[in-house]
Amino acid sequence: MNQLSSIAVIFGILGLIGVASLLKAVHLGVGGNSGPLAKEGKALDLGRKLRKNKLRIAVFGGANAWGTGIKSRFKSYPYLLSPTVENFAHSSTGPNYFSVCTETVVGDDAMYDVIIFDYWLRYFEGLDEMARRLRQRYPHAIMIFVRTWSPVHFKRKSTEDSHDIQSFAQWESANKLKGADLHTITQAIENDSGYWYLPKHQKADGAIWNIAQSVKGYEFSFTQRETGKQTLIDFMGYFDAKSHGHTSELGHEAIADALEFIIEKHVEKGKEVDLINSGVHGHWGHGDSCHLWYFSGGTNMIYSQNMHMEEFDSHNGHFALTVKGSGWFVIENRMEDDAFPSRTLYIHYLTSQQAGVYPDAEINIRDQSWTLRTLNTVDPHHDIRTVALSQLPRGETNITITVGTGSQPFRLAGYTFSNEIAVPLEWGFGPSHGH
């Protein structure tokens, strides 16, 4: 039995019979009776042993991994495992950016003992490629894939066979429970006569299982009770009382406990512990070179005087190179792999769901032209679109751009050179709308 299968069996047993003697952390976080602590949302003082070891942890994920919804994100589960954490999570970004720009983001000097992925339903945005590249670079790191559902994922029907489906938010609104405290909501669920269930996500669950197996990793998710209703009652305290969509401090404690159990069981095997700390690196494959100034506003790229860097969203700190009329910019392919001297160029730019906001643009590279469409009718959750343009050789390339008219200027968010995958997910590369 491989390490992934064995840990799944342990978690399955815990979910069925609640073997508290195996480890209190997993008993609270994964199986058994969570008890009144979860219902009341009280924090636990667990005094972790692993903190002393200063495990070098890298975390990739969304809002859950970042710690959205709690007062201090440093009380989220990665920081409960170790004080030495590199948190690459972003509340609105899937794995696609990191799958293409893994080397650029992580760098050449970083070393990690544990790598955590927390994406679940966004697995299709490049998680397999990202995990493969990180395993290639860190052949001995412990890899863990976290799947965290929340109350907002639950649905309700009058009876199991009825078709009057309500979301959790609809039920909460219909019963005038918006803003109610945790005890009141839990009591309402206990007294509710409806049928509660967590919709199956077999495609996502199966994909993450396969990805974890492919890189010899582990998987974690809260174990559900016999009924959806009992699951909600027992785990409500693991999520924030306001939105019910973000993990609470207690929930982060439970996740950290379970991950600590996984790490301890792995370390007890003793097969790779010395290698984990030996500083052994793998390679980055063909590598990547990503330049996204959307978050920083900084670039060394040379561009014409009628283009300028603008912080167009000061609330969220978002930047773009704005273009009106026409302009030019120079990009440089510095990739040094002799086997692949030419690399695919990807352009990242802003789009809108409303027509006429951003003008379309025409890009010209070495007598070849492409039109960059800015109306987003495909994915309402993403502002940034990525387009693969051309294979470019090493050295500098001059690019001209001509834009039409719109209520806003054309906004360029960055560019990338990479041959790791054919084309990134066009509408999933970069930050989401409204964040």
Protein backbone atom coordinates (compact mmCIF):
# COMPACT_ATOMS: atom_id res chain seq x y z
CA MET A 1 0.00 0.00 0.00
CA ASN A 2 1.50 3.39 -0.97
CA GLN A 3 1.67 6.36 1.39
CA LEU A 4 -1.34 8.10 -0.19
CA SER A 5 -3.56 5.06 0.10
CA SER A 6 -2.54 4.27 3.66
CA ILE A 7 -3.27 7.76 4.97
CA ALA A 8 -6.65 7.73 3.20
CA VAL A 9 -7.49 4.47 4.94
CA ILE A 10 -6.56 5.95 8.31
CA PHE A 11 -8.78 8.98 7.66
CA GLY A 12 -11.60 6.73 6.47
CA ILE A 13 -11.44 4.72 9.71
CA LEU A 14 -11.42 7.92 11.74
CA GLY A 15 -14.44 9.19 9.87
CA LEU A 16 -16.37 6.04 10.65
CA ILE A 17 -15.46 5.27 14.25
CA GLY A 18 -13.65 8.35 15.56
CA VAL A 19 -10.47 6.73 16.89
CA ALA A 20 -9.44 9.51 19.24
CA SER A 21 -6.51 7.53 20.59
CA LEU A 22 -4.66 7.78 17.28
CA LEU A 23 -4.25 11.51 17.56
CA LYS A 24 -6.43 14.14 19.17
CA ALA A 25 -5.72 16.51 16.32
CA VAL A 26 -7.15 14.23 13.68
CA HIS A 27 -10.02 13.22 15.94
CA LEU A 28 -11.11 16.85 16.11
CA GLY A 29 -10.27 17.83 12.60
CA VAL A 30 -11.08 14.83 10.47
CA GLY A 31 -13.26 12.32 12.21
CA GLY A 32 -15.14 11.43 15.34
CA ASN A 33 -17.39 13.79 17.24
CA SER A 34 -16.21 17.37 17.01
CA GLY A 35 -18.23 18.21 20.09
CA PRO A 36 -19.34 21.59 21.41
CA LEU A 37 -16.00 23.24 20.68
CA ALA A 38 -16.79 23.28 16.98
CA LYS A 39 -20.32 24.54 17.57
CA GLU A 40 -19.22 27.37 19.85
CA GLY A 41 -16.17 28.29 17.79
CA LYS A 42 -13.75 28.24 20.71
CA ALA A 43 -10.05 28.21 19.92
CA LEU A 44 -7.84 25.33 21.00
CA ASP A 45 -4.36 25.61 22.49
CA LEU A 46 -2.64 22.61 20.99
CA GLY A 47 1.04 23.40 21.51
CA ARG A 48 2.42 21.81 18.36
CA LYS A 49 5.65 19.87 18.39
CA LEU A 50 6.43 20.61 14.78
CA ARG A 51 6.83 24.34 15.41
CA LYS A 52 10.15 23.60 17.07
CA ASN A 53 11.37 21.87 13.94
CA LYS A 54 10.93 24.99 11.80
CA LEU A 55 9.79 23.05 8.79
CA ARG A 56 10.25 25.02 5.60
CA ILE A 57 6.74 25.17 4.16
CA ALA A 58 5.50 26.52 0.82
CA VAL A 59 1.74 27.07 0.45
CA PHE A 60 -0.16 27.60 -2.79
CA GLY A 61 -3.89 28.22 -2.75
CA GLY A 62 -6.74 30.67 -2.44
CA ALA A 63 -8.55 32.42 0.39
CA ASN A 64 -8.39 29.46 2.75
CA ALA A 65 -4.61 29.09 2.54
CA TRP A 66 -4.15 32.87 2.83
CA GLY A 67 -6.25 33.12 5.99
CA THR A 68 -9.09 35.27 4.64
CA GLY A 69 -11.84 35.79 7.21
CA ILE A 70 -9.77 35.63 10.40
CA LYS A 71 -8.33 38.61 12.28
CA SER A 72 -4.73 37.61 11.71
CA ARG A 73 -3.79 35.50 8.73
CA PHE A 74 -0.81 34.32 10.74
CA LYS A 75 -3.28 32.16 12.65
CA SER A 76 -4.13 30.26 9.47
CA TYR A 77 -3.08 26.64 9.29
CA PRO A 78 0.27 27.06 7.46
CA TYR A 79 1.65 29.27 10.26
CA LEU A 80 0.34 26.90 12.93
CA LEU A 81 2.53 24.20 11.44
CA SER A 82 5.75 26.22 11.32
CA PRO A 83 7.08 29.75 11.67
CA THR A 84 9.03 29.26 8.43
CA VAL A 85 6.34 29.67 5.79
CA GLU A 86 6.41 31.04 2.25
CA ASN A 87 2.76 31.77 1.52
CA PHE A 88 2.12 32.15 -2.21
CA ALA A 89 -1.66 31.98 -1.78
CA HIS A 90 -3.90 34.65 -3.27
CA SER A 91 -7.58 34.97 -2.51
CA SER A 92 -8.58 35.20 -6.17
CA THR A 93 -5.98 33.31 -8.18
CA GLY A 94 -6.08 29.67 -9.23
CA PRO A 95 -3.02 27.50 -9.92
CA ASN A 96 -2.66 28.44 -13.58
CA TYR A 97 -0.30 31.39 -13.06
CA PHE A 98 1.94 29.29 -10.82
CA SER A 99 1.84 26.34 -13.22
CA VAL A 100 3.37 28.48 -15.95
CA CYS A 101 5.55 30.74 -13.78
CA THR A 102 6.71 28.28 -11.11
CA GLU A 103 10.40 29.08 -11.42
CA THR A 104 9.84 32.84 -11.57
CA VAL A 105 7.64 32.84 -8.46
CA VAL A 106 9.63 30.41 -6.31
CA GLY A 107 13.15 31.37 -7.39
CA ASP A 108 16.29 29.28 -7.64
CA ASP A 109 17.46 29.37 -4.01
CA ALA A 110 14.35 28.36 -2.04
CA MET A 111 14.25 24.97 -0.30
CA TYR A 112 11.10 23.39 1.14
CA ASP A 113 10.37 20.39 3.33
CA VAL A 114 6.58 20.56 2.85
CA ILE A 115 4.56 21.89 -0.09
CA ILE A 116 0.80 22.40 0.35
CA PHE A 117 -1.76 22.88 -2.44
CA ASP A 118 -5.20 24.26 -1.47
CA TYR A 119 -7.30 24.66 -4.63
CA TRP A 120 -9.91 21.84 -4.83
CA LEU A 121 -12.58 23.03 -7.34
CA ARG A 122 -10.02 25.04 -9.32
CA TYR A 123 -7.87 21.97 -9.98
CA PHE A 124 -8.47 22.28 -13.75
CA GLU A 125 -6.58 25.59 -13.92
CA GLY A 126 -3.19 23.87 -14.14
CA LEU A 127 -2.78 22.12 -10.76
CA ASP A 128 -1.40 18.96 -12.36
CA GLU A 129 1.27 20.90 -14.24
CA MET A 130 2.15 22.95 -11.19
CA ALA A 131 2.49 19.88 -8.94
CA ARG A 132 4.59 18.12 -11.57
CA ARG A 133 7.02 21.02 -11.87
CA LEU A 134 7.38 21.41 -8.11
CA ARG A 135 7.95 17.67 -7.65
CA GLN A 136 10.56 17.84 -10.38
CA ARG A 137 12.30 20.65 -8.49
CA TYR A 138 11.80 19.22 -4.97
CA PRO A 139 11.98 15.43 -5.34
CA HIS A 140 11.95 14.75 -1.57
CA ALA A 141 9.47 17.32 -0.23
CA ILE A 142 6.24 16.17 1.42
CA MET A 143 3.32 17.26 -0.78
CA ILE A 144 -0.20 17.64 0.63
CA PHE A 145 -3.39 18.48 -1.30
CA VAL A 146 -6.09 20.15 0.83
CA ARG A 147 -9.78 20.01 -0.15
CA THR A 148 -11.89 22.22 2.12
CA TRP A 149 -15.64 22.48 1.65
CA SER A 150 -17.68 24.97 3.69
CA PRO A 151 -21.36 25.50 4.64
CA VAL A 152 -21.90 27.63 1.52
CA HIS A 153 -21.32 24.52 -0.58
CA PHE A 154 -24.32 22.77 1.01
CA LYS A 155 -27.79 22.53 -0.53
CA ARG A 156 -31.22 21.94 1.01
CA LYS A 157 -34.42 20.33 -0.24
CA SER A 158 -37.79 19.82 1.47
CA THR A 159 -37.28 16.06 1.21
CA GLU A 160 -34.56 13.88 -0.25
CA ASP A 161 -36.64 13.22 -3.37
CA SER A 162 -37.94 16.74 -3.95
CA HIS A 163 -36.56 19.21 -6.49
CA ASP A 164 -36.95 22.50 -4.58
CA ILE A 165 -33.24 23.09 -4.14
CA GLN A 166 -32.05 25.96 -1.93
CA SER A 167 -28.49 27.15 -1.41
CA PHE A 168 -27.31 27.72 2.14
CA ALA A 169 -27.48 31.48 1.56
CA GLN A 170 -31.07 31.26 0.28
CA TRP A 171 -32.14 29.20 3.29
CA GLU A 172 -30.38 31.63 5.65
CA SER A 173 -32.10 34.61 4.02
CA ALA A 174 -35.53 32.96 3.94
CA ASN A 175 -35.29 32.25 7.67
CA LYS A 176 -34.03 35.78 8.48
CA LEU A 177 -30.75 34.42 9.86
CA LYS A 178 -28.39 36.84 8.11
CA GLY A 179 -26.05 38.19 10.76
CA ALA A 180 -27.25 35.72 13.41
CA ASP A 181 -24.69 34.27 15.81
CA LEU A 182 -23.30 30.78 15.40
CA HIS A 183 -25.45 29.25 18.16
CA THR A 184 -28.67 30.60 16.63
CA ILE A 185 -27.84 29.30 13.15
CA THR A 186 -26.79 25.90 14.48
CA GLN A 187 -30.03 25.60 16.44
CA ALA A 188 -32.01 26.54 13.32
CA ILE A 189 -30.29 23.78 11.35
CA GLU A 190 -30.97 21.27 14.15
CA ASN A 191 -34.67 22.21 14.14
CA ASP A 192 -34.98 22.31 10.36
CA SER A 193 -37.00 19.48 8.82
CA GLY A 194 -35.41 19.71 5.37
CA TYR A 195 -32.90 17.42 3.71
CA TRP A 196 -29.36 18.83 3.68
CA TYR A 197 -26.58 17.50 1.46
CA LEU A 198 -23.16 18.39 0.09
CA PRO A 199 -23.22 18.04 -3.73
CA LYS A 200 -20.71 15.55 -5.05
CA HIS A 201 -17.76 16.87 -6.97
CA GLN A 202 -16.52 13.56 -8.28
CA LYS A 203 -14.58 15.04 -11.17
CA ALA A 204 -12.66 17.44 -8.93
CA ASP A 205 -12.10 14.87 -6.18
CA GLY A 206 -10.96 12.24 -8.64
CA ALA A 207 -8.63 14.66 -10.40
CA ILE A 208 -6.95 15.75 -7.17
CA TRP A 209 -6.61 12.13 -6.08
CA ASN A 210 -4.88 11.31 -9.38
CA ILE A 211 -2.63 14.37 -9.19
CA ALA A 212 -1.63 13.49 -5.62
CA GLN A 213 -0.80 9.94 -6.66
CA SER A 214 1.23 11.14 -9.63
CA VAL A 215 3.58 13.13 -7.37
CA LYS A 216 3.47 10.67 -4.41
CA GLY A 217 1.58 13.15 -2.26
CA TYR A 218 -1.10 13.07 0.42
CA GLU A 219 -4.69 14.29 0.41
CA PHE A 220 -6.76 15.87 3.19
CA SER A 221 -10.42 16.79 3.57
CA PHE A 222 -12.84 17.02 6.48
CA THR A 223 -14.71 13.73 6.78
CA GLN A 224 -18.47 14.08 6.45
CA ARG A 225 -20.92 12.61 8.95
CA GLU A 226 -23.66 10.13 8.05
CA THR A 227 -25.99 12.97 7.05
CA GLY A 228 -25.45 16.38 5.56
CA LYS A 229 -27.39 17.95 8.39
CA GLN A 230 -25.18 16.39 11.06
CA THR A 231 -22.09 17.44 9.10
CA LEU A 232 -23.27 21.04 9.08
CA ILE A 233 -24.09 20.99 12.81
CA ASP A 234 -20.73 19.50 13.79
CA PHE A 235 -18.58 21.69 11.55
CA MET A 236 -20.32 25.10 11.61
CA GLY A 237 -17.78 26.38 14.10
CA TYR A 238 -14.96 25.57 11.70
CA PHE A 239 -16.12 28.47 9.50
CA ASP A 240 -16.64 32.19 10.05
CA ALA A 241 -20.04 33.21 11.43
CA LYS A 242 -20.51 36.03 8.91
CA SER A 243 -20.11 34.47 5.47
CA HIS A 244 -19.78 30.77 6.44
CA GLY A 245 -17.44 30.51 3.48
CA HIS A 246 -14.09 31.18 5.17
CA THR A 247 -12.36 28.88 7.63
CA SER A 248 -12.41 30.13 11.24
CA GLU A 249 -9.48 30.03 13.66
CA LEU A 250 -10.85 26.78 15.04
CA GLY A 251 -11.10 25.35 11.53
CA HIS A 252 -7.50 26.32 10.82
CA GLU A 253 -6.48 24.60 14.06
CA ALA A 254 -8.23 21.42 12.93
CA ILE A 255 -6.63 21.49 9.47
CA ALA A 256 -3.19 22.11 10.99
CA ASP A 257 -3.70 19.19 13.37
CA ALA A 258 -4.55 16.84 10.53
CA LEU A 259 -1.63 18.01 8.36
CA GLU A 260 0.70 17.66 11.32
CA PHE A 261 -0.46 14.07 11.68
CA ILE A 262 0.30 13.41 8.00
CA ILE A 263 3.76 14.94 8.29
CA GLU A 264 4.58 13.07 11.48
CA LYS A 265 3.52 9.75 9.97
CA HIS A 266 5.64 10.46 6.90
CA VAL A 267 8.67 11.43 8.97
CA GLU A 268 8.30 8.32 11.15
CA LYS A 269 8.94 6.18 8.07
CA GLY A 270 12.45 7.62 8.04
CA LYS A 271 13.00 6.98 4.35
CA GLU A 272 13.47 10.53 3.11
CA VAL A 273 13.96 12.65 6.22
CA ASP A 274 17.70 13.12 5.76
CA LEU A 275 17.26 13.93 2.10
CA ILE A 276 14.56 16.51 2.84
CA ASN A 277 17.07 18.56 4.83
CA SER A 278 20.06 17.92 2.60
CA GLY A 279 19.44 20.84 0.26
CA VAL A 280 19.06 18.58 -2.77
CA HIS A 281 17.36 20.34 -5.67
CA GLY A 282 15.93 18.92 -8.84
CA HIS A 283 15.54 21.04 -11.98
CA TRP A 284 12.91 23.36 -13.43
CA GLY A 285 12.55 21.60 -16.75
CA HIS A 286 12.61 24.10 -19.58
CA GLY A 287 12.09 26.98 -17.15
CA ASP A 288 10.02 30.14 -17.42
CA SER A 289 10.39 33.90 -17.36
CA CYS A 290 7.29 35.76 -16.18
CA HIS A 291 6.83 39.51 -15.89
CA LEU A 292 3.52 40.48 -14.29
CA TRP A 293 3.43 44.06 -12.96
CA TYR A 294 -0.26 43.87 -12.07
CA PHE A 295 0.56 43.65 -8.34
CA SER A 296 3.78 45.67 -8.13
CA GLY A 297 3.70 48.36 -10.79
CA GLY A 298 7.38 47.68 -11.49
CA THR A 299 9.01 46.67 -14.77
CA ASN A 300 12.38 47.09 -16.50
CA MET A 301 10.75 46.86 -19.90
CA ILE A 302 11.44 49.71 -22.33
CA TYR A 303 8.30 51.31 -23.80
CA SER A 304 7.26 54.43 -25.73
CA GLN A 305 6.53 57.75 -24.06
CA ASN A 306 2.81 57.60 -24.73
CA MET A 307 2.56 54.46 -22.54
CA HIS A 308 2.67 54.86 -18.77
CA MET A 309 2.36 52.75 -15.62
CA GLU A 310 -0.91 53.48 -13.83
CA GLU A 311 -2.29 52.32 -10.50
CA PHE A 312 -5.82 52.08 -11.87
CA ASP A 313 -7.19 50.36 -8.74
CA SER A 314 -5.67 52.02 -5.66
CA HIS A 315 -7.96 50.14 -3.26
CA ASN A 316 -6.53 46.74 -4.26
CA GLY A 317 -3.15 47.98 -5.46
CA HIS A 318 -3.51 46.93 -9.12
CA PHE A 319 -1.30 48.37 -11.86
CA ALA A 320 -1.16 48.26 -15.65
CA LEU A 321 0.71 49.84 -18.55
CA THR A 322 -1.88 52.01 -20.26
CA VAL A 323 -1.93 52.61 -24.01
CA LYS A 324 -3.85 55.26 -25.95
CA GLY A 325 -3.64 55.48 -29.74
CA SER A 326 -0.49 53.58 -30.59
CA GLY A 327 2.83 52.77 -29.00
CA TRP A 328 5.67 50.28 -28.83
CA PHE A 329 7.56 48.26 -26.25
CA VAL A 330 10.62 46.02 -26.24
CA ILE A 331 10.69 42.61 -24.59
CA GLU A 332 13.71 40.37 -24.11
CA ASN A 333 13.88 36.59 -24.16
CA ARG A 334 16.71 35.78 -21.74
CA MET A 335 16.10 32.03 -21.51
CA GLU A 336 19.41 30.18 -21.64
CA ASP A 337 18.34 26.64 -22.53
CA ASP A 338 20.19 25.80 -25.77
CA ALA A 339 17.70 23.04 -26.53
CA PHE A 340 14.88 25.61 -26.64
CA PRO A 341 16.34 28.96 -27.79
CA SER A 342 12.89 30.11 -28.96
CA ARG A 343 10.05 30.46 -26.45
CA THR A 344 6.33 31.10 -26.66
CA LEU A 345 5.36 34.67 -25.79
CA TYR A 346 2.16 35.18 -23.76
CA ILE A 347 0.57 38.60 -23.33
CA HIS A 348 -1.64 39.39 -20.30
CA TYR A 349 -4.13 42.26 -20.48
CA LEU A 350 -7.28 43.62 -18.82
CA THR A 351 -10.79 42.84 -20.05
CA SER A 352 -14.31 43.85 -19.06
CA GLN A 353 -17.76 42.23 -19.08
CA GLN A 354 -19.18 45.49 -20.46
CA ALA A 355 -18.73 46.47 -24.09
CA GLY A 356 -16.90 49.71 -24.78
CA VAL A 357 -14.90 49.86 -21.54
CA TYR A 358 -11.55 48.72 -22.92
CA PRO A 359 -10.63 49.14 -26.58
CA ASP A 360 -9.42 46.15 -28.61
CA ALA A 361 -5.78 46.31 -29.67
CA GLU A 362 -3.71 45.11 -32.58
CA ILE A 363 -0.27 43.68 -31.80
CA ASN A 364 2.39 43.49 -34.51
CA ILE A 365 5.50 41.33 -34.12
CA ARG A 366 7.88 40.87 -37.05
CA ASP A 367 5.21 41.51 -39.68
CA GLN A 368 2.66 39.26 -37.98
CA SER A 369 -0.48 40.70 -36.38
CA TRP A 370 -2.90 39.60 -33.67
CA THR A 371 -6.07 41.26 -32.38
CA LEU A 372 -6.50 41.35 -28.59
CA ARG A 373 -10.21 41.26 -27.75
CA THR A 374 -11.19 42.95 -24.50
CA LEU A 375 -14.87 42.04 -24.11
CA ASN A 376 -15.11 39.22 -21.56
CA THR A 377 -18.20 37.16 -22.33
CA VAL A 378 -16.64 33.89 -21.20
CA ASP A 379 -15.65 34.06 -17.55
CA PRO A 380 -17.19 36.68 -15.21
CA HIS A 381 -14.70 35.77 -12.48
CA HIS A 382 -11.52 36.88 -14.25
CA ASP A 383 -10.37 40.28 -15.45
CA ILE A 384 -7.09 39.25 -17.02
CA ARG A 385 -6.93 37.44 -20.34
CA THR A 386 -3.85 35.58 -21.57
CA VAL A 387 -3.08 35.08 -25.26
CA ALA A 388 -0.24 33.04 -26.76
CA LEU A 389 1.25 35.03 -29.63
CA SER A 390 4.45 33.77 -31.17
CA GLN A 391 7.66 31.83 -30.72
CA LEU A 392 10.47 34.37 -30.23
CA PRO A 393 14.23 33.78 -30.29
CA ARG A 394 16.67 34.95 -27.65
CA GLY A 395 17.35 38.62 -27.46
CA GLU A 396 15.19 41.71 -27.83
CA THR A 397 12.01 41.98 -29.90
CA ASN A 398 10.25 45.24 -30.74
CA ILE A 399 6.44 45.06 -30.54
CA THR A 400 4.05 47.72 -31.81
CA ILE A 401 0.51 48.15 -30.51
CA THR A 402 -2.43 50.11 -31.92
CA VAL A 403 -5.61 50.49 -29.88
CA GLY A 404 -9.14 51.61 -30.66
CA THR A 405 -11.41 53.77 -28.53
CA GLY A 406 -13.04 52.98 -25.20
CA SER A 407 -14.03 54.69 -21.98
CA GLN A 408 -10.74 53.41 -20.50
CA PRO A 409 -7.32 53.02 -22.09
CA PHE A 410 -6.01 49.62 -23.11
CA ARG A 411 -4.26 48.08 -20.08
CA LEU A 412 -1.33 45.69 -20.38
CA ALA A 413 -0.71 43.57 -17.25
CA GLY A 414 2.43 41.62 -18.18
CA TYR A 415 4.09 39.05 -20.43
CA THR A 416 5.61 35.59 -20.09
CA PHE A 417 8.07 33.35 -21.90
CA SER A 418 7.48 29.64 -21.34
CA ASN A 419 7.42 26.32 -23.14
CA GLU A 420 6.19 24.29 -20.19
CA ILE A 421 2.63 23.90 -21.43
CA ALA A 422 1.08 24.62 -24.80
CA VAL A 423 -1.37 27.37 -23.80
CA PRO A 424 -2.34 28.56 -20.29
CA LEU A 425 -6.02 28.59 -19.39
CA GLU A 426 -7.05 31.69 -21.29
CA TRP A 427 -9.44 33.13 -18.72
CA GLY A 428 -7.90 31.74 -15.55
CA PHE A 429 -4.45 33.26 -15.62
CA GLY A 430 -4.14 35.89 -12.90
CA PRO A 431 -6.47 37.67 -10.47
CA SER A 432 -10.23 37.33 -10.41
CA HIS A 433 -12.84 40.01 -10.87
CA GLY A 434 -13.70 42.01 -7.76
CA HIS A 435 -10.57 41.28 -5.72
